[in-house]
PDB file of N, CA and C in Angstrom:
ATOM      1  N   MET A   1      -4.465   0.545  11.642  1.00  0.00           N
ATOM      2  CA  MET A   1      -4.922   0.507  10.195  1.00  0.00           C
ATOM      3  C   MET A   1      -6.148   1.577  10.110  1.00  0.00           C
ATOM      4  N   ASN A   2      -7.093   1.332  11.136  1.00  0.00           N
ATOM      5  CA  ASN A   2      -8.388   2.151  11.046  1.00  0.00           C
ATOM      6  C   ASN A   2      -8.126   3.610  11.186  1.00  0.00           C
ATOM      7  N   ILE A   3      -6.941   3.987  12.038  1.00  0.00           N
ATOM      8  CA  ILE A   3      -6.608   5.461  12.118  1.00  0.00           C
ATOM      9  C   ILE A   3      -6.036   5.975  10.846  1.00  0.00           C
ATOM     10  N   GLU A   4      -5.336   5.318  10.111  1.00  0.00           N
ATOM     11  CA  GLU A   4      -4.943   5.724   8.852  1.00  0.00           C
ATOM     12  C   GLU A   4      -6.012   6.000   7.756  1.00  0.00           C
ATOM     13  N   LEU A   5      -7.009   5.116   7.693  1.00  0.00           N
ATOM     14  CA  LEU A   5      -8.119   5.187   6.957  1.00  0.00           C
ATOM     15  C   LEU A   5      -8.858   6.442   7.360  1.00  0.00           C
ATOM     16  N   GLN A   6      -9.126   6.675   8.606  1.00  0.00           N
ATOM     17  CA  GLN A   6      -9.766   7.764   9.091  1.00  0.00           C
ATOM     18  C   GLN A   6      -9.134   9.083   8.756  1.00  0.00           C
ATOM     19  N   GLU A   7      -7.791   9.060   8.825  1.00  0.00           N
ATOM     20  CA  GLU A   7      -7.018  10.246   8.373  1.00  0.00           C
ATOM     21  C   GLU A   7      -7.252  10.604   7.010  1.00  0.00           C
ATOM     22  N   MET A   8      -7.530   9.533   6.084  1.00  0.00           N
ATOM     23  CA  MET A   8      -7.753   9.878   4.601  1.00  0.00           C
ATOM     24  C   MET A   8      -8.987  10.564   4.490  1.00  0.00           C
ATOM     25  N   GLY A   9      -9.966  10.217   5.390  1.00  0.00           N
ATOM     26  CA  GLY A   9     -11.227  10.893   5.264  1.00  0.00           C
ATOM     27  C   GLY A   9     -11.248  12.347   5.726  1.00  0.00           C
ATOM     28  N   ARG A  10     -10.185  12.613   6.554  1.00  0.00           N
ATOM     29  CA  ARG A  10     -10.381  14.000   7.184  1.00  0.00           C
ATOM     30  C   ARG A  10      -9.457  15.034   6.373  1.00  0.00           C
ATOM     31  N   ILE A  11      -8.733  14.376   5.442  1.00  0.00           N
ATOM     32  CA  ILE A  11      -7.851  15.310   4.442  1.00  0.00           C
ATOM     33  C   ILE A  11      -8.396  15.585   3.031  1.00  0.00           C
ATOM     34  N   VAL A  12      -9.741  15.139   2.932  1.00  0.00           N
ATOM     35  CA  VAL A  12     -10.316  15.168   1.533  1.00  0.00           C
ATOM     36  C   VAL A  12     -10.357  16.628   0.965  1.00  0.00           C
ATOM     37  N   GLY A  13     -10.556  17.569   1.769  1.00  0.00           N
ATOM     38  CA  GLY A  13     -10.661  19.131   1.165  1.00  0.00           C
ATOM     39  C   GLY A  13      -9.438  19.794   1.430  1.00  0.00           C
ATOM     40  N   LEU A  14      -8.304  19.163   1.842  1.00  0.00           N
ATOM     41  CA  LEU A  14      -7.095  19.932   2.240  1.00  0.00           C
ATOM     42  C   LEU A  14      -6.539  20.566   0.998  1.00  0.00           C
ATOM     43  N   GLU A  15      -6.087  21.797   1.154  1.00  0.00           N
ATOM     44  CA  GLU A  15      -5.266  22.590   0.041  1.00  0.00           C
ATOM     45  C   GLU A  15      -3.897  22.894   0.443  1.00  0.00           C
ATOM     46  N   PRO A  16      -3.066  22.988  -0.224  1.00  0.00           N
ATOM     47  CA  PRO A  16      -2.977  22.852  -1.626  1.00  0.00           C
ATOM     48  C   PRO A  16      -3.092  21.365  -1.980  1.00  0.00           C
ATOM     49  N   ARG A  17      -3.603  21.079  -3.173  1.00  0.00           N
ATOM     50  CA  ARG A  17      -3.828  19.706  -3.627  1.00  0.00           C
ATOM     51  C   ARG A  17      -2.615  18.810  -3.608  1.00  0.00           C
ATOM     52  N   ASN A  18      -1.414  19.408  -3.943  1.00  0.00           N
ATOM     53  CA  ASN A  18      -0.185  18.350  -3.781  1.00  0.00           C
ATOM     54  C   ASN A  18       0.031  17.859  -2.281  1.00  0.00           C
ATOM     55  N   ARG A  19      -0.320  18.678  -1.445  1.00  0.00           N
ATOM     56  CA  ARG A  19      -0.058  18.200  -0.043  1.00  0.00           C
ATOM     57  C   ARG A  19      -1.407  17.306   0.293  1.00  0.00           C
ATOM     58  N   ARG A  20      -2.466  17.409  -0.200  1.00  0.00           N
ATOM     59  CA  ARG A  20      -3.550  16.420   0.086  1.00  0.00           C
ATOM     60  C   ARG A  20      -3.238  15.044  -0.586  1.00  0.00           C
ATOM     61  N   HIS A  21      -2.684  15.130  -1.896  1.00  0.00           N
ATOM     62  CA  HIS A  21      -2.447  13.976  -2.489  1.00  0.00           C
ATOM     63  C   HIS A  21      -1.291  13.187  -1.700  1.00  0.00           C
ATOM     64  N   LEU A  22      -0.164  14.000  -1.352  1.00  0.00           N
ATOM     65  CA  LEU A  22       0.972  13.369  -0.590  1.00  0.00           C
ATOM     66  C   LEU A  22       0.368  12.579   0.656  1.00  0.00           C
ATOM     67  N   LEU A  23      -0.490  13.369   1.468  1.00  0.00           N
ATOM     68  CA  LEU A  23      -0.928  12.811   2.725  1.00  0.00           C
ATOM     69  C   LEU A  23      -2.023  11.436   2.355  1.00  0.00           C
ATOM     70  N   GLN A  24      -2.790  11.540   1.429  1.00  0.00           N
ATOM     71  CA  GLN A  24      -3.656  10.489   1.073  1.00  0.00           C
ATOM     72  C   GLN A  24      -2.693   9.334   0.806  1.00  0.00           C
ATOM     73  N   SER A  25      -1.663   9.504   0.000  1.00  0.00           N
ATOM     74  CA  SER A  25      -0.731   8.444  -0.376  1.00  0.00           C
ATOM     75  C   SER A  25      -0.122   7.830   0.871  1.00  0.00           C
ATOM     76  N   VAL A  26       0.335   8.681   1.695  1.00  0.00           N
ATOM     77  CA  VAL A  26       1.206   8.286   2.982  1.00  0.00           C
ATOM     78  C   VAL A  26       0.178   7.377   3.865  1.00  0.00           C
ATOM     79  N   HIS A  27      -1.091   7.926   4.038  1.00  0.00           N
ATOM     80  CA  HIS A  27      -1.984   7.169   4.944  1.00  0.00           C
ATOM     81  C   HIS A  27      -2.446   5.953   4.504  1.00  0.00           C
ATOM     82  N   ALA A  28      -2.700   5.891   2.951  1.00  0.00           N
ATOM     83  CA  ALA A  28      -2.984   4.692   2.294  1.00  0.00           C
ATOM     84  C   ALA A  28      -1.975   3.551   2.446  1.00  0.00           C
ATOM     85  N   LEU A  29      -0.710   4.161   2.150  1.00  0.00           N
ATOM     86  CA  LEU A  29       0.373   3.270   2.303  1.00  0.00           C
ATOM     87  C   LEU A  29       0.566   2.510   3.531  1.00  0.00           C
ATOM     88  N   ARG A  30       0.380   3.385   4.553  1.00  0.00           N
ATOM     89  CA  ARG A  30       0.758   2.864   5.957  1.00  0.00           C
ATOM     90  C   ARG A  30      -0.584   2.046   6.271  1.00  0.00           C
ATOM     91  N   ALA A  31      -1.693   2.201   5.953  1.00  0.00           N
ATOM     92  CA  ALA A  31      -2.818   1.166   6.114  1.00  0.00           C
ATOM     93  C   ALA A  31      -2.612   0.010   5.454  1.00  0.00           C
ATOM     94  N   LEU A  32      -2.058  -0.135   4.147  1.00  0.00           N
ATOM     95  CA  LEU A  32      -1.782  -1.289   3.509  1.00  0.00           C
ATOM     96  C   LEU A  32      -0.742  -1.993   4.288  1.00  0.00           C
ATOM     97  N   GLU A  33       0.344  -1.463   4.497  1.00  0.00           N
ATOM     98  CA  GLU A  33       1.483  -2.145   5.343  1.00  0.00           C
ATOM     99  C   GLU A  33       1.042  -2.574   6.551  1.00  0.00           C
ATOM    100  N   SER A  34       0.098  -2.088   7.395  1.00  0.00           N
ATOM    101  CA  SER A  34      -0.519  -2.569   8.521  1.00  0.00           C
ATOM    102  C   SER A  34      -1.159  -3.785   8.208  1.00  0.00           C
ATOM    103  N   ALA A  35      -1.908  -3.685   7.158  1.00  0.00           N
ATOM    104  CA  ALA A  35      -2.867  -4.872   6.789  1.00  0.00           C
ATOM    105  C   ALA A  35      -2.056  -6.078   6.425  1.00  0.00           C
ATOM    106  N   MET A  36      -1.076  -5.841   5.695  1.00  0.00           N
ATOM    107  CA  MET A  36       0.029  -6.887   5.259  1.00  0.00           C
ATOM    108  C   MET A  36       0.627  -7.603   6.503  1.00  0.00           C
ATOM    109  N   LYS A  37       0.945  -6.725   7.526  1.00  0.00           N
ATOM    110  CA  LYS A  37       1.607  -7.285   8.711  1.00  0.00           C
ATOM    111  C   LYS A  37       0.657  -8.074   9.473  1.00  0.00           C
ATOM    112  N   VAL A  38      -0.514  -7.627   9.568  1.00  0.00           N
ATOM    113  CA  VAL A  38      -1.570  -8.325  10.323  1.00  0.00           C
ATOM    114  C   VAL A  38      -1.977  -9.590   9.765  1.00  0.00           C
ATOM    115  N   VAL A  39      -1.948  -9.714   8.335  1.00  0.00           N
ATOM    116  CA  VAL A  39      -2.230 -10.976   7.605  1.00  0.00           C
ATOM    117  C   VAL A  39      -1.105 -11.942   7.686  1.00  0.00           C
ATOM    118  N   LEU A  40       0.045 -11.443   7.682  1.00  0.00           N
ATOM    119  CA  LEU A  40       1.253 -12.366   7.834  1.00  0.00           C
ATOM    120  C   LEU A  40       1.266 -12.985   9.197  1.00  0.00           C
ATOM    121  N   ALA A  41       1.182 -12.026  10.174  1.00  0.00           N
ATOM    122  CA  ALA A  41       1.175 -12.460  11.617  1.00  0.00           C
ATOM    123  C   ALA A  41       0.096 -13.551  11.941  1.00  0.00           C
ATOM    124  N   ALA A  42      -1.129 -13.442  11.247  1.00  0.00           N
ATOM    125  CA  ALA A  42      -2.201 -14.353  11.358  1.00  0.00           C
ATOM    126  C   ALA A  42      -1.921 -15.628  10.787  1.00  0.00           C
ATOM    127  N   ASN A  43      -0.955 -15.716   9.844  1.00  0.00           N
ATOM    128  CA  ASN A  43      -0.483 -16.865   9.189  1.00  0.00           C
ATOM    129  C   ASN A  43       0.785 -17.564   9.878  1.00  0.00           C
ATOM    130  N   GLY A  44       1.012 -16.971  11.060  1.00  0.00           N
ATOM    131  CA  GLY A  44       2.239 -17.584  11.897  1.00  0.00           C
ATOM    132  C   GLY A  44       3.578 -16.972  11.381  1.00  0.00           C
ATOM    133  N   LEU A  45       3.583 -15.973  10.616  1.00  0.00           N
ATOM    134  CA  LEU A  45       4.920 -15.537  10.118  1.00  0.00           C
ATOM    135  C   LEU A  45       5.255 -14.251  10.906  1.00  0.00           C
ATOM    136  N   GLN A  46       6.740 -13.951  10.942  1.00  0.00           N
ATOM    137  CA  GLN A  46       7.055 -12.705  11.460  1.00  0.00           C
ATOM    138  C   GLN A  46       7.120 -11.804  10.332  1.00  0.00           C
ATOM    139  N   PRO A  47       6.354 -10.784  10.163  1.00  0.00           N
ATOM    140  CA  PRO A  47       6.374  -9.885   9.058  1.00  0.00           C
ATOM    141  C   PRO A  47       7.622  -9.030   8.911  1.00  0.00           C
ATOM    142  N   ALA A  48       8.036  -8.950   7.586  1.00  0.00           N
ATOM    143  CA  ALA A  48       9.225  -8.184   7.324  1.00  0.00           C
ATOM    144  C   ALA A  48       9.096  -6.738   7.484  1.00  0.00           C
ATOM    145  N   HIS A  49      10.026  -5.958   7.279  1.00  0.00           N
ATOM    146  CA  HIS A  49      10.094  -4.526   7.568  1.00  0.00           C
ATOM    147  C   HIS A  49       9.818  -3.815   6.316  1.00  0.00           C
ATOM    148  N   SER A  50      10.146  -4.242   5.144  1.00  0.00           N
ATOM    149  CA  SER A  50      10.046  -3.453   3.974  1.00  0.00           C
ATOM    150  C   SER A  50       8.700  -3.983   3.099  1.00  0.00           C
ATOM    151  N   ILE A  51       8.233  -3.106   2.167  1.00  0.00           N
ATOM    152  CA  ILE A  51       7.095  -3.498   1.533  1.00  0.00           C
ATOM    153  C   ILE A  51       7.456  -4.565   0.546  1.00  0.00           C
ATOM    154  N   GLY A  52       8.384  -4.447  -0.108  1.00  0.00           N
ATOM    155  CA  GLY A  52       9.031  -5.442  -1.107  1.00  0.00           C
ATOM    156  C   GLY A  52       9.037  -6.917  -0.491  1.00  0.00           C
ATOM    157  N   GLU A  53       9.544  -6.872   0.877  1.00  0.00           N
ATOM    158  CA  GLU A  53       9.717  -8.198   1.448  1.00  0.00           C
ATOM    159  C   GLU A  53       8.379  -8.621   1.999  1.00  0.00           C
ATOM    160  N   LEU A  54       7.404  -7.783   2.283  1.00  0.00           N
ATOM    161  CA  LEU A  54       6.111  -8.077   2.607  1.00  0.00           C
ATOM    162  C   LEU A  54       5.298  -8.779   1.411  1.00  0.00           C
ATOM    163  N   LEU A  55       5.579  -8.140   0.416  1.00  0.00           N
ATOM    164  CA  LEU A  55       4.939  -8.718  -0.880  1.00  0.00           C
ATOM    165  C   LEU A  55       5.618 -10.115  -1.080  1.00  0.00           C
ATOM    166  N   ARG A  56       6.809 -10.272  -1.163  1.00  0.00           N
ATOM    167  CA  ARG A  56       7.388 -11.523  -1.227  1.00  0.00           C
ATOM    168  C   ARG A  56       6.723 -12.481  -0.189  1.00  0.00           C
ATOM    169  N   GLN A  57       6.700 -12.101   1.115  1.00  0.00           N
ATOM    170  CA  GLN A  57       6.065 -13.131   1.982  1.00  0.00           C
ATOM    171  C   GLN A  57       4.688 -13.509   1.702  1.00  0.00           C
ATOM    172  N   LEU A  58       3.961 -12.554   1.093  1.00  0.00           N
ATOM    173  CA  LEU A  58       2.546 -12.940   0.631  1.00  0.00           C
ATOM    174  C   LEU A  58       2.504 -13.904  -0.461  1.00  0.00           C
ATOM    175  N   ASN A  59       3.567 -13.594  -1.455  1.00  0.00           N
ATOM    176  CA  ASN A  59       3.657 -14.546  -2.541  1.00  0.00           C
ATOM    177  C   ASN A  59       4.138 -15.883  -2.153  1.00  0.00           C
ATOM    178  N   ASN A  60       4.744 -16.067  -1.044  1.00  0.00           N
ATOM    179  CA  ASN A  60       5.216 -17.246  -0.531  1.00  0.00           C
ATOM    180  C   ASN A  60       4.278 -18.212   0.295  1.00  0.00           C
ATOM    181  N   LEU A  61       3.081 -17.539   0.459  1.00  0.00           N
ATOM    182  CA  LEU A  61       2.032 -18.215   1.202  1.00  0.00           C
ATOM    183  C   LEU A  61       1.641 -19.210   0.253  1.00  0.00           C
ATOM    184  N   PRO A  62       1.144 -20.504   0.734  1.00  0.00           N
ATOM    185  CA  PRO A  62       0.526 -21.526   0.035  1.00  0.00           C
ATOM    186  C   PRO A  62      -0.678 -20.977  -0.996  1.00  0.00           C
ATOM    187  N   PRO A  63      -0.497 -21.592  -2.229  1.00  0.00           N
ATOM    188  CA  PRO A  63      -1.546 -20.974  -3.325  1.00  0.00           C
ATOM    189  C   PRO A  63      -3.081 -21.134  -2.846  1.00  0.00           C
ATOM    190  N   ASN A  64      -3.177 -22.021  -1.936  1.00  0.00           N
ATOM    191  CA  ASN A  64      -4.731 -22.262  -1.400  1.00  0.00           C
ATOM    192  C   ASN A  64      -5.042 -21.290  -0.259  1.00  0.00           C
ATOM    193  N   ASN A  65      -4.055 -20.572   0.229  1.00  0.00           N
ATOM    194  CA  ASN A  65      -4.278 -19.385   1.177  1.00  0.00           C
ATOM    195  C   ASN A  65      -4.867 -18.238   0.474  1.00  0.00           C
ATOM    196  N   PRO A  66      -6.089 -17.857   1.214  1.00  0.00           N
ATOM    197  CA  PRO A  66      -6.869 -16.670   0.631  1.00  0.00           C
ATOM    198  C   PRO A  66      -6.025 -15.432   0.451  1.00  0.00           C
ATOM    199  N   SER A  67      -4.926 -15.309   1.295  1.00  0.00           N
ATOM    200  CA  SER A  67      -4.102 -14.023   1.171  1.00  0.00           C
ATOM    201  C   SER A  67      -2.755 -14.200   0.292  1.00  0.00           C
ATOM    202  N   HIS A  68      -2.800 -15.298  -0.272  1.00  0.00           N
ATOM    203  CA  HIS A  68      -1.729 -15.578  -1.433  1.00  0.00           C
ATOM    204  C   HIS A  68      -1.659 -14.637  -2.493  1.00  0.00           C
ATOM    205  N   LEU A  69      -0.611 -13.965  -2.757  1.00  0.00           N
ATOM    206  CA  LEU A  69      -0.414 -13.194  -3.940  1.00  0.00           C
ATOM    207  C   LEU A  69       0.351 -14.097  -5.109  1.00  0.00           C
ATOM    208  N   SER A  70      -0.305 -14.212  -6.111  1.00  0.00           N
ATOM    209  CA  SER A  70       0.264 -14.791  -7.339  1.00  0.00           C
ATOM    210  C   SER A  70       1.638 -13.944  -7.665  1.00  0.00           C
ATOM    211  N   GLY A  71       2.512 -14.519  -8.517  1.00  0.00           N
ATOM    212  CA  GLY A  71       3.709 -13.827  -9.061  1.00  0.00           C
ATOM    213  C   GLY A  71       3.293 -12.651  -9.837  1.00  0.00           C
ATOM    214  N   VAL A  72       2.181 -12.788 -10.604  1.00  0.00           N
ATOM    215  CA  VAL A  72       1.730 -11.652 -11.421  1.00  0.00           C
ATOM    216  C   VAL A  72       1.399 -10.615 -10.548  1.00  0.00           C
ATOM    217  N   GLU A  73       0.661 -10.839  -9.427  1.00  0.00           N
ATOM    218  CA  GLU A  73       0.189  -9.749  -8.559  1.00  0.00           C
ATOM    219  C   GLU A  73       1.304  -9.271  -7.852  1.00  0.00           C
ATOM    220  N   ARG A  74       2.135 -10.002  -7.396  1.00  0.00           N
ATOM    221  CA  ARG A  74       3.372  -9.449  -6.625  1.00  0.00           C
ATOM    222  C   ARG A  74       4.054  -8.447  -7.528  1.00  0.00           C
ATOM    223  N   VAL A  75       4.356  -8.763  -8.827  1.00  0.00           N
ATOM    224  CA  VAL A  75       5.024  -7.827  -9.619  1.00  0.00           C
ATOM    225  C   VAL A  75       4.179  -6.566  -9.799  1.00  0.00           C
ATOM    226  N   ARG A  76       2.920  -6.615 -10.008  1.00  0.00           N
ATOM    227  CA  ARG A  76       2.091  -5.585 -10.116  1.00  0.00           C
ATOM    228  C   ARG A  76       2.194  -4.565  -9.078  1.00  0.00           C
ATOM    229  N   PHE A  77       2.076  -5.212  -7.798  1.00  0.00           N
ATOM    230  CA  PHE A  77       2.076  -4.305  -6.557  1.00  0.00           C
ATOM    231  C   PHE A  77       3.572  -3.798  -6.386  1.00  0.00           C
ATOM    232  N   HIS A  78       4.360  -4.545  -6.726  1.00  0.00           N
ATOM    233  CA  HIS A  78       5.725  -4.103  -6.593  1.00  0.00           C
ATOM    234  C   HIS A  78       5.995  -2.786  -7.507  1.00  0.00           C
ATOM    235  N   ARG A  79       5.539  -2.849  -8.636  1.00  0.00           N
ATOM    236  CA  ARG A  79       5.651  -1.758  -9.524  1.00  0.00           C
ATOM    237  C   ARG A  79       4.648  -0.560  -9.165  1.00  0.00           C
ATOM    238  N   GLY A  80       3.517  -0.973  -8.752  1.00  0.00           N
ATOM    239  CA  GLY A  80       2.425   0.094  -8.592  1.00  0.00           C
ATOM    240  C   GLY A  80       2.397   0.619  -7.266  1.00  0.00           C
ATOM    241  N   VAL A  81       2.821  -0.002  -6.194  1.00  0.00           N
ATOM    242  CA  VAL A  81       2.884   0.417  -4.884  1.00  0.00           C
ATOM    243  C   VAL A  81       4.336   0.759  -4.363  1.00  0.00           C
ATOM    244  N   ARG A  82       5.109  -0.370  -4.366  1.00  0.00           N
ATOM    245  CA  ARG A  82       6.337  -0.277  -3.851  1.00  0.00           C
ATOM    246  C   ARG A  82       7.409   0.860  -4.414  1.00  0.00           C
ATOM    247  N   GLU A  83       7.288   0.814  -5.649  1.00  0.00           N
ATOM    248  CA  GLU A  83       8.244   1.870  -6.374  1.00  0.00           C
ATOM    249  C   GLU A  83       7.750   3.301  -6.268  1.00  0.00           C
ATOM    250  N   TYR A  84       6.301   3.349  -6.150  1.00  0.00           N
ATOM    251  CA  TYR A  84       5.751   4.743  -5.836  1.00  0.00           C
ATOM    252  C   TYR A  84       6.047   5.309  -4.403  1.00  0.00           C
ATOM    253  N   ARG A  85       5.855   4.174  -3.452  1.00  0.00           N
ATOM    254  CA  ARG A  85       6.217   4.515  -2.038  1.00  0.00           C
ATOM    255  C   ARG A  85       7.652   4.860  -1.956  1.00  0.00           C
ATOM    256  N   ASN A  86       8.594   4.264  -2.520  1.00  0.00           N
ATOM    257  CA  ASN A  86       9.901   4.707  -2.294  1.00  0.00           C
ATOM    258  C   ASN A  86      10.315   6.040  -2.859  1.00  0.00           C
ATOM    259  N   LYS A  87       9.669   6.323  -4.047  1.00  0.00           N
ATOM    260  CA  LYS A  87       9.965   7.640  -4.631  1.00  0.00           C
ATOM    261  C   LYS A  87       9.340   8.665  -3.654  1.00  0.00           C
ATOM    262  N   LEU A  88       8.057   8.435  -3.180  1.00  0.00           N
ATOM    263  CA  LEU A  88       7.318   9.413  -2.451  1.00  0.00           C
ATOM    264  C   LEU A  88       8.282   9.524  -1.192  1.00  0.00           C
ATOM    265  N   MET A  89       8.736   8.573  -0.459  1.00  0.00           N
ATOM    266  CA  MET A  89       9.362   8.644   0.877  1.00  0.00           C
ATOM    267  C   MET A  89      10.865   9.038   0.746  1.00  0.00           C
ATOM    268  N   HIS A  90      11.405   8.719  -0.395  1.00  0.00           N
ATOM    269  CA  HIS A  90      13.008   8.928  -0.395  1.00  0.00           C
ATOM    270  C   HIS A  90      13.489   9.948  -1.354  1.00  0.00           C
ATOM    271  N   GLN A  91      12.640  10.599  -2.218  1.00  0.00           N
ATOM    272  CA  GLN A  91      12.995  11.716  -3.105  1.00  0.00           C
ATOM    273  C   GLN A  91      12.516  13.108  -2.688  1.00  0.00           C
ATOM    274  N   ALA A  92      13.638  13.910  -2.295  1.00  0.00           N
ATOM    275  CA  ALA A  92      13.176  15.153  -1.795  1.00  0.00           C
ATOM    276  C   ALA A  92      12.298  15.960  -2.731  1.00  0.00           C
ATOM    277  N   ASN A  93      11.311  16.690  -2.126  1.00  0.00           N
ATOM    278  CA  ASN A  93      10.425  17.443  -2.891  1.00  0.00           C
ATOM    279  C   ASN A  93       9.507  16.834  -3.895  1.00  0.00           C
ATOM    280  N   TYR A  94       9.364  15.486  -3.679  1.00  0.00           N
ATOM    281  CA  TYR A  94       8.489  14.772  -4.505  1.00  0.00           C
ATOM    282  C   TYR A  94       7.069  14.796  -4.166  1.00  0.00           C
ATOM    283  N   TYR A  95       6.279  15.108  -4.938  1.00  0.00           N
ATOM    284  CA  TYR A  95       4.751  15.142  -4.816  1.00  0.00           C
ATOM    285  C   TYR A  95       4.075  14.311  -5.801  1.00  0.00           C
ATOM    286  N   PRO A  96       2.968  13.629  -5.561  1.00  0.00           N
ATOM    287  CA  PRO A  96       2.334  12.916  -6.737  1.00  0.00           C
ATOM    288  C   PRO A  96       2.052  14.035  -7.790  1.00  0.00           C
ATOM    289  N   ALA A  97       2.258  13.484  -9.055  1.00  0.00           N
ATOM    290  CA  ALA A  97       2.086  14.453 -10.200  1.00  0.00           C
ATOM    291  C   ALA A  97       0.574  14.585 -10.674  1.00  0.00           C
ATOM    292  N   GLY A  98      -0.246  15.046  -9.485  1.00  0.00           N
ATOM    293  CA  GLY A  98      -1.644  15.292  -9.787  1.00  0.00           C
ATOM    294  C   GLY A  98      -2.550  14.262  -9.425  1.00  0.00           C
ATOM    295  N   ALA A  99      -3.819  14.496  -9.519  1.00  0.00           N
ATOM    296  CA  ALA A  99      -4.765  13.709  -9.090  1.00  0.00           C
ATOM    297  C   ALA A  99      -4.839  12.297  -9.821  1.00  0.00           C
ATOM    298  N   LEU A 100      -4.487  12.181 -11.048  1.00  0.00           N
ATOM    299  CA  LEU A 100      -4.586  11.065 -11.754  1.00  0.00           C
ATOM    300  C   LEU A 100      -3.626  10.146 -11.232  1.00  0.00           C
ATOM    301  N   GLN A 101      -2.390  10.452 -10.923  1.00  0.00           N
ATOM    302  CA  GLN A 101      -1.361   9.673 -10.476  1.00  0.00           C
ATOM    303  C   GLN A 101      -1.757   9.100  -9.042  1.00  0.00           C
ATOM    304  N   CYS A 102      -2.148   9.926  -8.251  1.00  0.00           N
ATOM    305  CA  CYS A 102      -2.652   9.777  -6.879  1.00  0.00           C
ATOM    306  C   CYS A 102      -3.698   8.703  -7.001  1.00  0.00           C
ATOM    307  N   GLU A 103      -4.699   8.853  -7.890  1.00  0.00           N
ATOM    308  CA  GLU A 103      -5.797   7.973  -7.875  1.00  0.00           C
ATOM    309  C   GLU A 103      -5.394   6.608  -8.265  1.00  0.00           C
ATOM    310  N   ALA A 104      -4.413   6.513  -9.359  1.00  0.00           N
ATOM    311  CA  ALA A 104      -3.942   5.202  -9.836  1.00  0.00           C
ATOM    312  C   ALA A 104      -3.242   4.469  -8.793  1.00  0.00           C
ATOM    313  N   MET A 105      -2.411   5.187  -7.974  1.00  0.00           N
ATOM    314  CA  MET A 105      -1.728   4.658  -6.729  1.00  0.00           C
ATOM    315  C   MET A 105      -2.762   4.086  -5.663  1.00  0.00           C
ATOM    316  N   LEU A 106      -3.674   4.881  -5.521  1.00  0.00           N
ATOM    317  CA  LEU A 106      -4.789   4.553  -4.450  1.00  0.00           C
ATOM    318  C   LEU A 106      -5.482   3.368  -4.913  1.00  0.00           C
ATOM    319  N   SER A 107      -5.786   3.329  -6.293  1.00  0.00           N
ATOM    320  CA  SER A 107      -6.503   2.211  -6.717  1.00  0.00           C
ATOM    321  C   SER A 107      -5.646   0.870  -6.707  1.00  0.00           C
ATOM    322  N   ASP A 108      -4.374   0.982  -6.981  1.00  0.00           N
ATOM    323  CA  ASP A 108      -3.446  -0.250  -6.624  1.00  0.00           C
ATOM    324  C   ASP A 108      -3.395  -0.617  -5.273  1.00  0.00           C
ATOM    325  N   ILE A 109      -3.410   0.418  -4.409  1.00  0.00           N
ATOM    326  CA  ILE A 109      -3.404  -0.095  -2.893  1.00  0.00           C
ATOM    327  C   ILE A 109      -4.753  -0.795  -2.496  1.00  0.00           C
ATOM    328  N   GLU A 110      -5.848  -0.284  -2.972  1.00  0.00           N
ATOM    329  CA  GLU A 110      -7.152  -0.804  -2.711  1.00  0.00           C
ATOM    330  C   GLU A 110      -7.339  -2.200  -3.365  1.00  0.00           C
ATOM    331  N   THR A 111      -6.833  -2.407  -4.594  1.00  0.00           N
ATOM    332  CA  THR A 111      -6.717  -3.684  -5.155  1.00  0.00           C
ATOM    333  C   THR A 111      -5.738  -4.671  -4.426  1.00  0.00           C
ATOM    334  N   CYS A 112      -4.622  -4.311  -3.830  1.00  0.00           N
ATOM    335  CA  CYS A 112      -3.833  -5.167  -3.154  1.00  0.00           C
ATOM    336  C   CYS A 112      -4.486  -5.437  -1.916  1.00  0.00           C
ATOM    337  N   PHE A 113      -5.162  -4.658  -1.230  1.00  0.00           N
ATOM    338  CA  PHE A 113      -5.869  -4.646   0.054  1.00  0.00           C
ATOM    339  C   PHE A 113      -6.921  -5.685  -0.130  1.00  0.00           C
ATOM    340  N   SER A 114      -7.721  -5.685  -1.118  1.00  0.00           N
ATOM    341  CA  SER A 114      -8.882  -6.613  -1.516  1.00  0.00           C
ATOM    342  C   SER A 114      -8.318  -7.840  -1.668  1.00  0.00           C
ATOM    343  N   VAL A 115      -7.135  -8.080  -2.244  1.00  0.00           N
ATOM    344  CA  VAL A 115      -6.605  -9.478  -2.677  1.00  0.00           C
ATOM    345  C   VAL A 115      -6.349 -10.140  -1.303  1.00  0.00           C
ATOM    346  N   ILE A 116      -5.476  -9.334  -0.462  1.00  0.00           N
ATOM    347  CA  ILE A 116      -4.895 -10.001   0.679  1.00  0.00           C
ATOM    348  C   ILE A 116      -5.831 -10.044   1.878  1.00  0.00           C
ATOM    349  N   VAL A 117      -6.846  -9.308   1.904  1.00  0.00           N
ATOM    350  CA  VAL A 117      -7.684  -9.416   3.026  1.00  0.00           C
ATOM    351  C   VAL A 117      -9.024  -9.821   2.544  1.00  0.00           C
ATOM    352  N   LYS A 118      -9.221 -11.262   2.560  1.00  0.00           N
ATOM    353  CA  LYS A 118     -10.593 -11.795   1.961  1.00  0.00           C
ATOM    354  C   LYS A 118     -11.304 -12.445   3.230  1.00  0.00           C
TER     355      LYS A 118
END
């Protein structure tokens, strides 16, 4: 997880910008997925392989668990993180549509991270 976050810092000035946004997104997503898996393993669960299933597992944690995702949060991150990730990884020649889209996705990742890692 730390390696992915360090890589984000190294690509701050990378050009062209679409490449920088792509790499920022990929490294942020990998860091989030790693954090999700660590949290689930710490709760005695075998982490799933897909981000959608990881979100479901976090939603299924007991509500009094600090890493529990509410249903609203799970849907938000499903739309804001998972759908973006799938488009990024599975659609040929897809790049984030500029800094605003990249920043919105990074913000969703940061919010998800802060909810599950308390």
